[in-house]
Amino acid sequence: MINNNLIIRDMVSSDVDGVFEVEKNCFEHYWSKGEFEKEMKNDVANYLVAEIDKKIVGYVGIWFIAGEGHITNVAVHSDFRGQKIGDELIKHLVKKCKENHIFAMTLEVRVSNV
């Protein structure tokens, strides 16, 4: 069931705190806030956030390099899982890739990442 208040949009610098909170919630070894701030200045990086009632509940990141997309992160806060938010993030990411003539994407996942 998708939350009717879900908004998927491009990440902006003011979203870093919310994205960092999702990151800490989801991963034992998480990116620092500074790493997300750097990503906002990275010309090859593209990030989308999932927002419900003005709260960041998930995000996805991708780098566009040499005509391909390398997915850097995908995360949905544990309080909001099971609502198809990850699915929506990926659907919007695929759309963004097509708009940018990116037709191949990769995602590396650790064996320990259930």
PDB file of N, CA and C in Angstrom:
ATOM      1  N   MET A   1       0.838  -1.187   0.000  1.00  0.00           N
ATOM      2  CA  MET A   1       0.000   0.000   0.000  1.00  0.00           C
ATOM      3  C   MET A   1       0.877   1.242   0.000  1.00  0.00           C
ATOM      4  N   ILE A   2       0.664   2.104  -0.960  1.00  0.00           N
ATOM      5  CA  ILE A   2       1.437   3.335  -1.068  1.00  0.00           C
ATOM      6  C   ILE A   2       0.719   4.450  -0.311  1.00  0.00           C
ATOM      7  N   ASN A   3       1.471   5.148   0.519  1.00  0.00           N
ATOM      8  CA  ASN A   3       0.952   6.277   1.281  1.00  0.00           C
ATOM      9  C   ASN A   3       0.579   7.401   0.304  1.00  0.00           C
ATOM     10  N   ASN A   4      -0.646   7.902   0.388  1.00  0.00           N
ATOM     11  CA  ASN A   4      -1.116   8.958  -0.518  1.00  0.00           C
ATOM     12  C   ASN A   4      -0.360  10.267  -0.339  1.00  0.00           C
ATOM     13  N   ASN A   5       0.314  10.446   0.786  1.00  0.00           N
ATOM     14  CA  ASN A   5       1.059  11.673   1.031  1.00  0.00           C
ATOM     15  C   ASN A   5       2.516  11.574   0.577  1.00  0.00           C
ATOM     16  N   LEU A   6       2.887  10.460  -0.066  1.00  0.00           N
ATOM     17  CA  LEU A   6       4.259  10.244  -0.499  1.00  0.00           C
ATOM     18  C   LEU A   6       4.599  11.159  -1.675  1.00  0.00           C
ATOM     19  N   ILE A   7       5.738  11.838  -1.538  1.00  0.00           N
ATOM     20  CA  ILE A   7       6.278  12.671  -2.610  1.00  0.00           C
ATOM     21  C   ILE A   7       7.694  12.180  -2.886  1.00  0.00           C
ATOM     22  N   ILE A   8       8.004  11.934  -4.149  1.00  0.00           N
ATOM     23  CA  ILE A   8       9.363  11.606  -4.570  1.00  0.00           C
ATOM     24  C   ILE A   8       9.863  12.822  -5.346  1.00  0.00           C
ATOM     25  N   ARG A   9      11.021  13.346  -4.932  1.00  0.00           N
ATOM     26  CA  ARG A   9      11.534  14.556  -5.582  1.00  0.00           C
ATOM     27  C   ARG A   9      13.054  14.564  -5.534  1.00  0.00           C
ATOM     28  N   ASP A  10      13.644  15.468  -6.301  1.00  0.00           N
ATOM     29  CA  ASP A  10      15.086  15.627  -6.273  1.00  0.00           C
ATOM     30  C   ASP A  10      15.524  16.106  -4.892  1.00  0.00           C
ATOM     31  N   MET A  11      16.635  15.583  -4.431  1.00  0.00           N
ATOM     32  CA  MET A  11      17.208  16.002  -3.153  1.00  0.00           C
ATOM     33  C   MET A  11      17.849  17.375  -3.316  1.00  0.00           C
ATOM     34  N   VAL A  12      17.690  18.201  -2.294  1.00  0.00           N
ATOM     35  CA  VAL A  12      18.352  19.505  -2.229  1.00  0.00           C
ATOM     36  C   VAL A  12      19.195  19.547  -0.953  1.00  0.00           C
ATOM     37  N   SER A  13      20.077  20.520  -0.881  1.00  0.00           N
ATOM     38  CA  SER A  13      21.016  20.607   0.247  1.00  0.00           C
ATOM     39  C   SER A  13      20.330  20.600   1.607  1.00  0.00           C
ATOM     40  N   SER A  14      19.172  21.215   1.700  1.00  0.00           N
ATOM     41  CA  SER A  14      18.474  21.272   2.987  1.00  0.00           C
ATOM     42  C   SER A  14      17.921  19.907   3.416  1.00  0.00           C
ATOM     43  N   ASP A  15      17.984  18.912   2.543  1.00  0.00           N
ATOM     44  CA  ASP A  15      17.520  17.558   2.867  1.00  0.00           C
ATOM     45  C   ASP A  15      18.594  16.714   3.548  1.00  0.00           C
ATOM     46  N   VAL A  16      19.834  17.191   3.603  1.00  0.00           N
ATOM     47  CA  VAL A  16      20.946  16.372   4.093  1.00  0.00           C
ATOM     48  C   VAL A  16      20.684  15.839   5.499  1.00  0.00           C
ATOM     49  N   ASP A  17      20.175  16.653   6.411  1.00  0.00           N
ATOM     50  CA  ASP A  17      19.926  16.179   7.779  1.00  0.00           C
ATOM     51  C   ASP A  17      18.936  15.016   7.783  1.00  0.00           C
ATOM     52  N   GLY A  18      17.852  15.136   7.034  1.00  0.00           N
ATOM     53  CA  GLY A  18      16.847  14.080   6.979  1.00  0.00           C
ATOM     54  C   GLY A  18      17.379  12.815   6.329  1.00  0.00           C
ATOM     55  N   VAL A  19      18.150  12.972   5.270  1.00  0.00           N
ATOM     56  CA  VAL A  19      18.745  11.820   4.592  1.00  0.00           C
ATOM     57  C   VAL A  19      19.729  11.129   5.522  1.00  0.00           C
ATOM     58  N   PHE A  20      20.512  11.914   6.258  1.00  0.00           N
ATOM     59  CA  PHE A  20      21.471  11.346   7.199  1.00  0.00           C
ATOM     60  C   PHE A  20      20.758  10.549   8.291  1.00  0.00           C
ATOM     61  N   GLU A  21      19.611  11.014   8.760  1.00  0.00           N
ATOM     62  CA  GLU A  21      18.842  10.272   9.766  1.00  0.00           C
ATOM     63  C   GLU A  21      18.375   8.925   9.212  1.00  0.00           C
ATOM     64  N   VAL A  22      17.922   8.911   7.967  1.00  0.00           N
ATOM     65  CA  VAL A  22      17.514   7.651   7.329  1.00  0.00           C
ATOM     66  C   VAL A  22      18.731   6.731   7.203  1.00  0.00           C
ATOM     67  N   GLU A  23      19.847   7.284   6.778  1.00  0.00           N
ATOM     68  CA  GLU A  23      21.080   6.514   6.611  1.00  0.00           C
ATOM     69  C   GLU A  23      21.490   5.838   7.916  1.00  0.00           C
ATOM     70  N   LYS A  24      21.487   6.600   9.017  1.00  0.00           N
ATOM     71  CA  LYS A  24      21.867   6.043  10.327  1.00  0.00           C
ATOM     72  C   LYS A  24      20.900   4.957  10.770  1.00  0.00           C
ATOM     73  N   ASN A  25      19.629   5.121  10.451  1.00  0.00           N
ATOM     74  CA  ASN A  25      18.612   4.146  10.823  1.00  0.00           C
ATOM     75  C   ASN A  25      18.789   2.833  10.065  1.00  0.00           C
ATOM     76  N   CYS A  26      19.288   2.921   8.836  1.00  0.00           N
ATOM     77  CA  CYS A  26      19.311   1.755   7.951  1.00  0.00           C
ATOM     78  C   CYS A  26      20.609   0.957   7.960  1.00  0.00           C
ATOM     79  N   PHE A  27      21.721   1.604   8.254  1.00  0.00           N
ATOM     80  CA  PHE A  27      23.003   0.938   8.058  1.00  0.00           C
ATOM     81  C   PHE A  27      23.881   0.995   9.308  1.00  0.00           C
ATOM     82  N   GLU A  28      24.567  -0.111   9.559  1.00  0.00           N
ATOM     83  CA  GLU A  28      25.518  -0.160  10.668  1.00  0.00           C
ATOM     84  C   GLU A  28      26.745   0.688  10.347  1.00  0.00           C
ATOM     85  N   HIS A  29      27.208   0.587   9.113  1.00  0.00           N
ATOM     86  CA  HIS A  29      28.345   1.390   8.640  1.00  0.00           C
ATOM     87  C   HIS A  29      27.783   2.423   7.673  1.00  0.00           C
ATOM     88  N   TYR A  30      27.483   3.600   8.182  1.00  0.00           N
ATOM     89  CA  TYR A  30      26.765   4.589   7.382  1.00  0.00           C
ATOM     90  C   TYR A  30      27.662   5.745   6.944  1.00  0.00           C
ATOM     91  N   TRP A  31      27.204   6.405   5.884  1.00  0.00           N
ATOM     92  CA  TRP A  31      27.893   7.592   5.377  1.00  0.00           C
ATOM     93  C   TRP A  31      27.728   8.719   6.389  1.00  0.00           C
ATOM     94  N   SER A  32      28.704   9.602   6.446  1.00  0.00           N
ATOM     95  CA  SER A  32      28.620  10.768   7.331  1.00  0.00           C
ATOM     96  C   SER A  32      27.771  11.861   6.674  1.00  0.00           C
ATOM     97  N   LYS A  33      27.362  12.798   7.476  1.00  0.00           N
ATOM     98  CA  LYS A  33      26.613  13.933   6.950  1.00  0.00           C
ATOM     99  C   LYS A  33      27.472  14.683   5.920  1.00  0.00           C
ATOM    100  N   GLY A  34      28.767  14.793   6.219  1.00  0.00           N
ATOM    101  CA  GLY A  34      29.689  15.460   5.297  1.00  0.00           C
ATOM    102  C   GLY A  34      29.763  14.789   3.937  1.00  0.00           C
ATOM    103  N   GLU A  35      29.679  13.460   3.917  1.00  0.00           N
ATOM    104  CA  GLU A  35      29.700  12.748   2.640  1.00  0.00           C
ATOM    105  C   GLU A  35      28.472  13.098   1.802  1.00  0.00           C
ATOM    106  N   PHE A  36      27.317  13.228   2.456  1.00  0.00           N
ATOM    107  CA  PHE A  36      26.113  13.632   1.714  1.00  0.00           C
ATOM    108  C   PHE A  36      26.227  15.078   1.245  1.00  0.00           C
ATOM    109  N   GLU A  37      26.824  15.935   2.064  1.00  0.00           N
ATOM    110  CA  GLU A  37      27.024  17.327   1.648  1.00  0.00           C
ATOM    111  C   GLU A  37      27.933  17.386   0.427  1.00  0.00           C
ATOM    112  N   LYS A  38      28.980  16.547   0.394  1.00  0.00           N
ATOM    113  CA  LYS A  38      29.868  16.471  -0.778  1.00  0.00           C
ATOM    114  C   LYS A  38      29.109  15.990  -2.007  1.00  0.00           C
ATOM    115  N   GLU A  39      28.230  15.009  -1.811  1.00  0.00           N
ATOM    116  CA  GLU A  39      27.459  14.469  -2.932  1.00  0.00           C
ATOM    117  C   GLU A  39      26.590  15.542  -3.578  1.00  0.00           C
ATOM    118  N   MET A  40      26.120  16.488  -2.784  1.00  0.00           N
ATOM    119  CA  MET A  40      25.277  17.551  -3.327  1.00  0.00           C
ATOM    120  C   MET A  40      26.068  18.460  -4.277  1.00  0.00           C
ATOM    121  N   LYS A  41      27.391  18.418  -4.183  1.00  0.00           N
ATOM    122  CA  LYS A  41      28.257  19.228  -5.057  1.00  0.00           C
ATOM    123  C   LYS A  41      28.907  18.387  -6.154  1.00  0.00           C
ATOM    124  N   ASN A  42      28.652  17.090  -6.150  1.00  0.00           N
ATOM    125  CA  ASN A  42      29.243  16.153  -7.106  1.00  0.00           C
ATOM    126  C   ASN A  42      28.454  16.212  -8.417  1.00  0.00           C
ATOM    127  N   ASP A  43      29.128  16.595  -9.493  1.00  0.00           N
ATOM    128  CA  ASP A  43      28.453  16.776 -10.784  1.00  0.00           C
ATOM    129  C   ASP A  43      27.856  15.493 -11.355  1.00  0.00           C
ATOM    130  N   VAL A  44      28.367  14.329 -10.976  1.00  0.00           N
ATOM    131  CA  VAL A  44      27.838  13.072 -11.522  1.00  0.00           C
ATOM    132  C   VAL A  44      26.760  12.458 -10.623  1.00  0.00           C
ATOM    133  N   ALA A  45      26.576  13.013  -9.422  1.00  0.00           N
ATOM    134  CA  ALA A  45      25.632  12.447  -8.448  1.00  0.00           C
ATOM    135  C   ALA A  45      24.227  12.994  -8.645  1.00  0.00           C
ATOM    136  N   ASN A  46      23.258  12.112  -8.517  1.00  0.00           N
ATOM    137  CA  ASN A  46      21.833  12.469  -8.566  1.00  0.00           C
ATOM    138  C   ASN A  46      21.141  11.731  -7.434  1.00  0.00           C
ATOM    139  N   TYR A  47      20.378  12.454  -6.631  1.00  0.00           N
ATOM    140  CA  TYR A  47      19.682  11.850  -5.497  1.00  0.00           C
ATOM    141  C   TYR A  47      18.207  12.225  -5.533  1.00  0.00           C
ATOM    142  N   LEU A  48      17.384  11.265  -5.146  1.00  0.00           N
ATOM    143  CA  LEU A  48      15.961  11.486  -4.967  1.00  0.00           C
ATOM    144  C   LEU A  48      15.619  11.189  -3.514  1.00  0.00           C
ATOM    145  N   VAL A  49      14.659  11.921  -2.977  1.00  0.00           N
ATOM    146  CA  VAL A  49      14.183  11.641  -1.620  1.00  0.00           C
ATOM    147  C   VAL A  49      12.712  11.274  -1.668  1.00  0.00           C
ATOM    148  N   ALA A  50      12.319  10.453  -0.695  1.00  0.00           N
ATOM    149  CA  ALA A  50      10.912  10.124  -0.466  1.00  0.00           C
ATOM    150  C   ALA A  50      10.501  10.906   0.769  1.00  0.00           C
ATOM    151  N   GLU A  51       9.413  11.630   0.636  1.00  0.00           N
ATOM    152  CA  GLU A  51       8.969  12.515   1.712  1.00  0.00           C
ATOM    153  C   GLU A  51       7.497  12.242   2.021  1.00  0.00           C
ATOM    154  N   ILE A  52       7.190  12.135   3.294  1.00  0.00           N
ATOM    155  CA  ILE A  52       5.802  12.009   3.736  1.00  0.00           C
ATOM    156  C   ILE A  52       5.585  13.084   4.798  1.00  0.00           C
ATOM    157  N   ASP A  53       4.598  13.919   4.563  1.00  0.00           N
ATOM    158  CA  ASP A  53       4.271  15.001   5.501  1.00  0.00           C
ATOM    159  C   ASP A  53       5.519  15.793   5.896  1.00  0.00           C
ATOM    160  N   LYS A  54       6.315  16.153   4.883  1.00  0.00           N
ATOM    161  CA  LYS A  54       7.524  16.982   5.030  1.00  0.00           C
ATOM    162  C   LYS A  54       8.655  16.304   5.798  1.00  0.00           C
ATOM    163  N   LYS A  55       8.582  14.972   5.968  1.00  0.00           N
ATOM    164  CA  LYS A  55       9.635  14.216   6.641  1.00  0.00           C
ATOM    165  C   LYS A  55      10.290  13.305   5.614  1.00  0.00           C
ATOM    166  N   ILE A  56      11.630  13.327   5.568  1.00  0.00           N
ATOM    167  CA  ILE A  56      12.363  12.438   4.673  1.00  0.00           C
ATOM    168  C   ILE A  56      12.288  11.030   5.255  1.00  0.00           C
ATOM    169  N   VAL A  57      11.752  10.100   4.461  1.00  0.00           N
ATOM    170  CA  VAL A  57      11.583   8.720   4.927  1.00  0.00           C
ATOM    171  C   VAL A  57      12.408   7.729   4.105  1.00  0.00           C
ATOM    172  N   GLY A  58      13.025   8.202   3.035  1.00  0.00           N
ATOM    173  CA  GLY A  58      13.852   7.338   2.210  1.00  0.00           C
ATOM    174  C   GLY A  58      14.589   8.156   1.174  1.00  0.00           C
ATOM    175  N   TYR A  59      15.558   7.509   0.531  1.00  0.00           N
ATOM    176  CA  TYR A  59      16.294   8.173  -0.524  1.00  0.00           C
ATOM    177  C   TYR A  59      16.994   7.134  -1.396  1.00  0.00           C
ATOM    178  N   VAL A  60      17.401   7.582  -2.574  1.00  0.00           N
ATOM    179  CA  VAL A  60      18.191   6.758  -3.488  1.00  0.00           C
ATOM    180  C   VAL A  60      19.182   7.689  -4.174  1.00  0.00           C
ATOM    181  N   GLY A  61      20.387   7.171  -4.402  1.00  0.00           N
ATOM    182  CA  GLY A  61      21.408   7.953  -5.084  1.00  0.00           C
ATOM    183  C   GLY A  61      21.999   7.179  -6.245  1.00  0.00           C
ATOM    184  N   ILE A  62      22.420   7.904  -7.272  1.00  0.00           N
ATOM    185  CA  ILE A  62      23.038   7.287  -8.444  1.00  0.00           C
ATOM    186  C   ILE A  62      24.070   8.250  -9.014  1.00  0.00           C
ATOM    187  N   TRP A  63      25.130   7.683  -9.551  1.00  0.00           N
ATOM    188  CA  TRP A  63      26.124   8.462 -10.298  1.00  0.00           C
ATOM    189  C   TRP A  63      25.961   8.141 -11.764  1.00  0.00           C
ATOM    190  N   PHE A  64      25.911   9.161 -12.601  1.00  0.00           N
ATOM    191  CA  PHE A  64      25.887   8.995 -14.044  1.00  0.00           C
ATOM    192  C   PHE A  64      27.323   9.121 -14.542  1.00  0.00           C
ATOM    193  N   ILE A  65      27.891   7.997 -14.990  1.00  0.00           N
ATOM    194  CA  ILE A  65      29.274   7.979 -15.460  1.00  0.00           C
ATOM    195  C   ILE A  65      29.346   7.215 -16.778  1.00  0.00           C
ATOM    196  N   ALA A  66      29.890   7.870 -17.791  1.00  0.00           N
ATOM    197  CA  ALA A  66      30.119   7.249 -19.101  1.00  0.00           C
ATOM    198  C   ALA A  66      28.869   6.564 -19.651  1.00  0.00           C
ATOM    199  N   GLY A  67      27.733   7.234 -19.506  1.00  0.00           N
ATOM    200  CA  GLY A  67      26.498   6.707 -20.074  1.00  0.00           C
ATOM    201  C   GLY A  67      25.824   5.615 -19.269  1.00  0.00           C
ATOM    202  N   GLU A  68      26.362   5.318 -18.085  1.00  0.00           N
ATOM    203  CA  GLU A  68      25.760   4.309 -17.218  1.00  0.00           C
ATOM    204  C   GLU A  68      25.453   4.912 -15.855  1.00  0.00           C
ATOM    205  N   GLY A  69      24.563   4.246 -15.128  1.00  0.00           N
ATOM    206  CA  GLY A  69      24.211   4.687 -13.784  1.00  0.00           C
ATOM    207  C   GLY A  69      24.708   3.689 -12.752  1.00  0.00           C
ATOM    208  N   HIS A  70      25.438   4.176 -11.767  1.00  0.00           N
ATOM    209  CA  HIS A  70      25.884   3.330 -10.657  1.00  0.00           C
ATOM    210  C   HIS A  70      25.117   3.758  -9.408  1.00  0.00           C
ATOM    211  N   ILE A  71      24.200   2.921  -8.944  1.00  0.00           N
ATOM    212  CA  ILE A  71      23.410   3.242  -7.761  1.00  0.00           C
ATOM    213  C   ILE A  71      24.322   3.191  -6.540  1.00  0.00           C
ATOM    214  N   THR A  72      24.367   4.286  -5.805  1.00  0.00           N
ATOM    215  CA  THR A  72      25.244   4.394  -4.638  1.00  0.00           C
ATOM    216  C   THR A  72      24.554   3.953  -3.358  1.00  0.00           C
ATOM    217  N   ASN A  73      23.296   4.313  -3.199  1.00  0.00           N
ATOM    218  CA  ASN A  73      22.556   4.035  -1.969  1.00  0.00           C
ATOM    219  C   ASN A  73      21.070   3.897  -2.260  1.00  0.00           C
ATOM    220  N   VAL A  74      20.431   3.047  -1.491  1.00  0.00           N
ATOM    221  CA  VAL A  74      18.970   2.949  -1.473  1.00  0.00           C
ATOM    222  C   VAL A  74      18.602   2.695  -0.019  1.00  0.00           C
ATOM    223  N   ALA A  75      17.728   3.513   0.544  1.00  0.00           N
ATOM    224  CA  ALA A  75      17.363   3.320   1.950  1.00  0.00           C
ATOM    225  C   ALA A  75      15.962   3.848   2.223  1.00  0.00           C
ATOM    226  N   VAL A  76      15.229   3.103   3.059  1.00  0.00           N
ATOM    227  CA  VAL A  76      13.921   3.539   3.557  1.00  0.00           C
ATOM    228  C   VAL A  76      13.950   3.336   5.070  1.00  0.00           C
ATOM    229  N   HIS A  77      13.593   4.360   5.797  1.00  0.00           N
ATOM    230  CA  HIS A  77      13.567   4.301   7.268  1.00  0.00           C
ATOM    231  C   HIS A  77      12.734   3.111   7.722  1.00  0.00           C
ATOM    232  N   SER A  78      13.193   2.418   8.744  1.00  0.00           N
ATOM    233  CA  SER A  78      12.524   1.186   9.205  1.00  0.00           C
ATOM    234  C   SER A  78      11.065   1.419   9.600  1.00  0.00           C
ATOM    235  N   ASP A  79      10.727   2.622  10.054  1.00  0.00           N
ATOM    236  CA  ASP A  79       9.338   2.919  10.440  1.00  0.00           C
ATOM    237  C   ASP A  79       8.395   3.000   9.236  1.00  0.00           C
ATOM    238  N   PHE A  80       8.962   3.063   8.029  1.00  0.00           N
ATOM    239  CA  PHE A  80       8.137   3.277   6.838  1.00  0.00           C
ATOM    240  C   PHE A  80       8.270   2.151   5.808  1.00  0.00           C
ATOM    241  N   ARG A  81       8.893   1.061   6.192  1.00  0.00           N
ATOM    242  CA  ARG A  81       9.049  -0.058   5.262  1.00  0.00           C
ATOM    243  C   ARG A  81       7.724  -0.784   5.068  1.00  0.00           C
ATOM    244  N   GLY A  82       7.620  -1.513   3.968  1.00  0.00           N
ATOM    245  CA  GLY A  82       6.398  -2.259   3.672  1.00  0.00           C
ATOM    246  C   GLY A  82       5.323  -1.418   3.026  1.00  0.00           C
ATOM    247  N   GLN A  83       5.674  -0.178   2.634  1.00  0.00           N
ATOM    248  CA  GLN A  83       4.700   0.723   2.013  1.00  0.00           C
ATOM    249  C   GLN A  83       5.020   1.001   0.540  1.00  0.00           C
ATOM    250  N   LYS A  84       5.927   0.200  -0.021  1.00  0.00           N
ATOM    251  CA  LYS A  84       6.319   0.338  -1.439  1.00  0.00           C
ATOM    252  C   LYS A  84       7.087   1.624  -1.726  1.00  0.00           C
ATOM    253  N   ILE A  85       7.672   2.244  -0.700  1.00  0.00           N
ATOM    254  CA  ILE A  85       8.435   3.475  -0.890  1.00  0.00           C
ATOM    255  C   ILE A  85       9.703   3.196  -1.693  1.00  0.00           C
ATOM    256  N   GLY A  86      10.383   2.108  -1.390  1.00  0.00           N
ATOM    257  CA  GLY A  86      11.568   1.727  -2.159  1.00  0.00           C
ATOM    258  C   GLY A  86      11.226   1.503  -3.621  1.00  0.00           C
ATOM    259  N   ASP A  87      10.111   0.835  -3.877  1.00  0.00           N
ATOM    260  CA  ASP A  87       9.656   0.618  -5.254  1.00  0.00           C
ATOM    261  C   ASP A  87       9.462   1.949  -5.981  1.00  0.00           C
ATOM    262  N   GLU A  88       8.824   2.879  -5.320  1.00  0.00           N
ATOM    263  CA  GLU A  88       8.560   4.185  -5.922  1.00  0.00           C
ATOM    264  C   GLU A  88       9.860   4.951  -6.180  1.00  0.00           C
ATOM    265  N   LEU A  89      10.793   4.868  -5.240  1.00  0.00           N
ATOM    266  CA  LEU A  89      12.094   5.515  -5.448  1.00  0.00           C
ATOM    267  C   LEU A  89      12.780   4.957  -6.691  1.00  0.00           C
ATOM    268  N   ILE A  90      12.782   3.640  -6.834  1.00  0.00           N
ATOM    269  CA  ILE A  90      13.435   3.015  -7.982  1.00  0.00           C
ATOM    270  C   ILE A  90      12.705   3.352  -9.281  1.00  0.00           C
ATOM    271  N   LYS A  91      11.372   3.357  -9.270  1.00  0.00           N
ATOM    272  CA  LYS A  91      10.612   3.736 -10.480  1.00  0.00           C
ATOM    273  C   LYS A  91      10.986   5.149 -10.929  1.00  0.00           C
ATOM    274  N   HIS A  92      11.054   6.067  -9.972  1.00  0.00           N
ATOM    275  CA  HIS A  92      11.419   7.448 -10.306  1.00  0.00           C
ATOM    276  C   HIS A  92      12.875   7.538 -10.761  1.00  0.00           C
ATOM    277  N   LEU A  93      13.733   6.718 -10.182  1.00  0.00           N
ATOM    278  CA  LEU A  93      15.135   6.696 -10.582  1.00  0.00           C
ATOM    279  C   LEU A  93      15.274   6.205 -12.027  1.00  0.00           C
ATOM    280  N   VAL A  94      14.544   5.168 -12.377  1.00  0.00           N
ATOM    281  CA  VAL A  94      14.566   4.651 -13.748  1.00  0.00           C
ATOM    282  C   VAL A  94      14.099   5.741 -14.721  1.00  0.00           C
ATOM    283  N   LYS A  95      13.050   6.452 -14.349  1.00  0.00           N
ATOM    284  CA  LYS A  95      12.547   7.546 -15.187  1.00  0.00           C
ATOM    285  C   LYS A  95      13.621   8.620 -15.372  1.00  0.00           C
ATOM    286  N   LYS A  96      14.291   8.987 -14.276  1.00  0.00           N
ATOM    287  CA  LYS A  96      15.358   9.990 -14.332  1.00  0.00           C
ATOM    288  C   LYS A  96      16.496   9.504 -15.236  1.00  0.00           C
ATOM    289  N   CYS A  97      16.824   8.221 -15.151  1.00  0.00           N
ATOM    290  CA  CYS A  97      17.868   7.658 -16.003  1.00  0.00           C
ATOM    291  C   CYS A  97      17.479   7.760 -17.477  1.00  0.00           C
ATOM    292  N   LYS A  98      16.267   7.378 -17.791  1.00  0.00           N
ATOM    293  CA  LYS A  98      15.809   7.443 -19.185  1.00  0.00           C
ATOM    294  C   LYS A  98      15.859   8.877 -19.706  1.00  0.00           C
ATOM    295  N   GLU A  99      15.437   9.835 -18.874  1.00  0.00           N
ATOM    296  CA  GLU A  99      15.462  11.245 -19.270  1.00  0.00           C
ATOM    297  C   GLU A  99      16.889  11.726 -19.553  1.00  0.00           C
ATOM    298  N   ASN A 100      17.869  11.085 -18.917  1.00  0.00           N
ATOM    299  CA  ASN A 100      19.273  11.458 -19.088  1.00  0.00           C
ATOM    300  C   ASN A 100      20.021  10.495 -20.008  1.00  0.00           C
ATOM    301  N   HIS A 101      19.264   9.700 -20.768  1.00  0.00           N
ATOM    302  CA  HIS A 101      19.823   8.754 -21.741  1.00  0.00           C
ATOM    303  C   HIS A 101      20.759   7.737 -21.089  1.00  0.00           C
ATOM    304  N   ILE A 102      20.407   7.329 -19.871  1.00  0.00           N
ATOM    305  CA  ILE A 102      21.119   6.282 -19.141  1.00  0.00           C
ATOM    306  C   ILE A 102      20.252   5.030 -19.242  1.00  0.00           C
ATOM    307  N   PHE A 103      20.790   3.983 -19.885  1.00  0.00           N
ATOM    308  CA  PHE A 103      19.984   2.789 -20.107  1.00  0.00           C
ATOM    309  C   PHE A 103      20.541   1.544 -19.441  1.00  0.00           C
ATOM    310  N   ALA A 104      21.581   1.718 -18.620  1.00  0.00           N
ATOM    311  CA  ALA A 104      22.128   0.594 -17.853  1.00  0.00           C
ATOM    312  C   ALA A 104      22.445   1.103 -16.454  1.00  0.00           C
ATOM    313  N   MET A 105      22.084   0.315 -15.450  1.00  0.00           N
ATOM    314  CA  MET A 105      22.354   0.678 -14.066  1.00  0.00           C
ATOM    315  C   MET A 105      22.967  -0.511 -13.344  1.00  0.00           C
ATOM    316  N   THR A 106      23.832  -0.222 -12.386  1.00  0.00           N
ATOM    317  CA  THR A 106      24.413  -1.267 -11.551  1.00  0.00           C
ATOM    318  C   THR A 106      24.199  -0.914 -10.089  1.00  0.00           C
ATOM    319  N   LEU A 107      24.165  -1.960  -9.265  1.00  0.00           N
ATOM    320  CA  LEU A 107      24.058  -1.800  -7.818  1.00  0.00           C
ATOM    321  C   LEU A 107      24.863  -2.914  -7.183  1.00  0.00           C
ATOM    322  N   GLU A 108      25.870  -2.550  -6.407  1.00  0.00           N
ATOM    323  CA  GLU A 108      26.641  -3.548  -5.667  1.00  0.00           C
ATOM    324  C   GLU A 108      26.048  -3.669  -4.278  1.00  0.00           C
ATOM    325  N   VAL A 109      25.852  -4.906  -3.842  1.00  0.00           N
ATOM    326  CA  VAL A 109      25.253  -5.159  -2.525  1.00  0.00           C
ATOM    327  C   VAL A 109      26.146  -6.123  -1.766  1.00  0.00           C
ATOM    328  N   ARG A 110      26.446  -5.777  -0.520  1.00  0.00           N
ATOM    329  CA  ARG A 110      27.241  -6.679   0.318  1.00  0.00           C
ATOM    330  C   ARG A 110      26.447  -7.943   0.600  1.00  0.00           C
ATOM    331  N   VAL A 111      27.142  -9.050   0.735  1.00  0.00           N
ATOM    332  CA  VAL A 111      26.511 -10.326   1.077  1.00  0.00           C
ATOM    333  C   VAL A 111      25.738 -10.184   2.391  1.00  0.00           C
ATOM    334  N   SER A 112      26.265  -9.378   3.308  1.00  0.00           N
ATOM    335  CA  SER A 112      25.637  -9.220   4.628  1.00  0.00           C
ATOM    336  C   SER A 112      24.400  -8.326   4.596  1.00  0.00           C
ATOM    337  N   ASN A 113      24.122  -7.686   3.467  1.00  0.00           N
ATOM    338  CA  ASN A 113      22.987  -6.761   3.371  1.00  0.00           C
ATOM    339  C   ASN A 113      21.714  -7.554   3.065  1.00  0.00           C
ATOM    340  N   VAL A 114      20.948  -7.853   4.098  1.00  0.00           N
ATOM    341  CA  VAL A 114      19.724  -8.628   3.934  1.00  0.00           C
ATOM    342  C   VAL A 114      18.666  -7.781   3.273  1.00  0.00           C
TER     343      VAL A 114
END
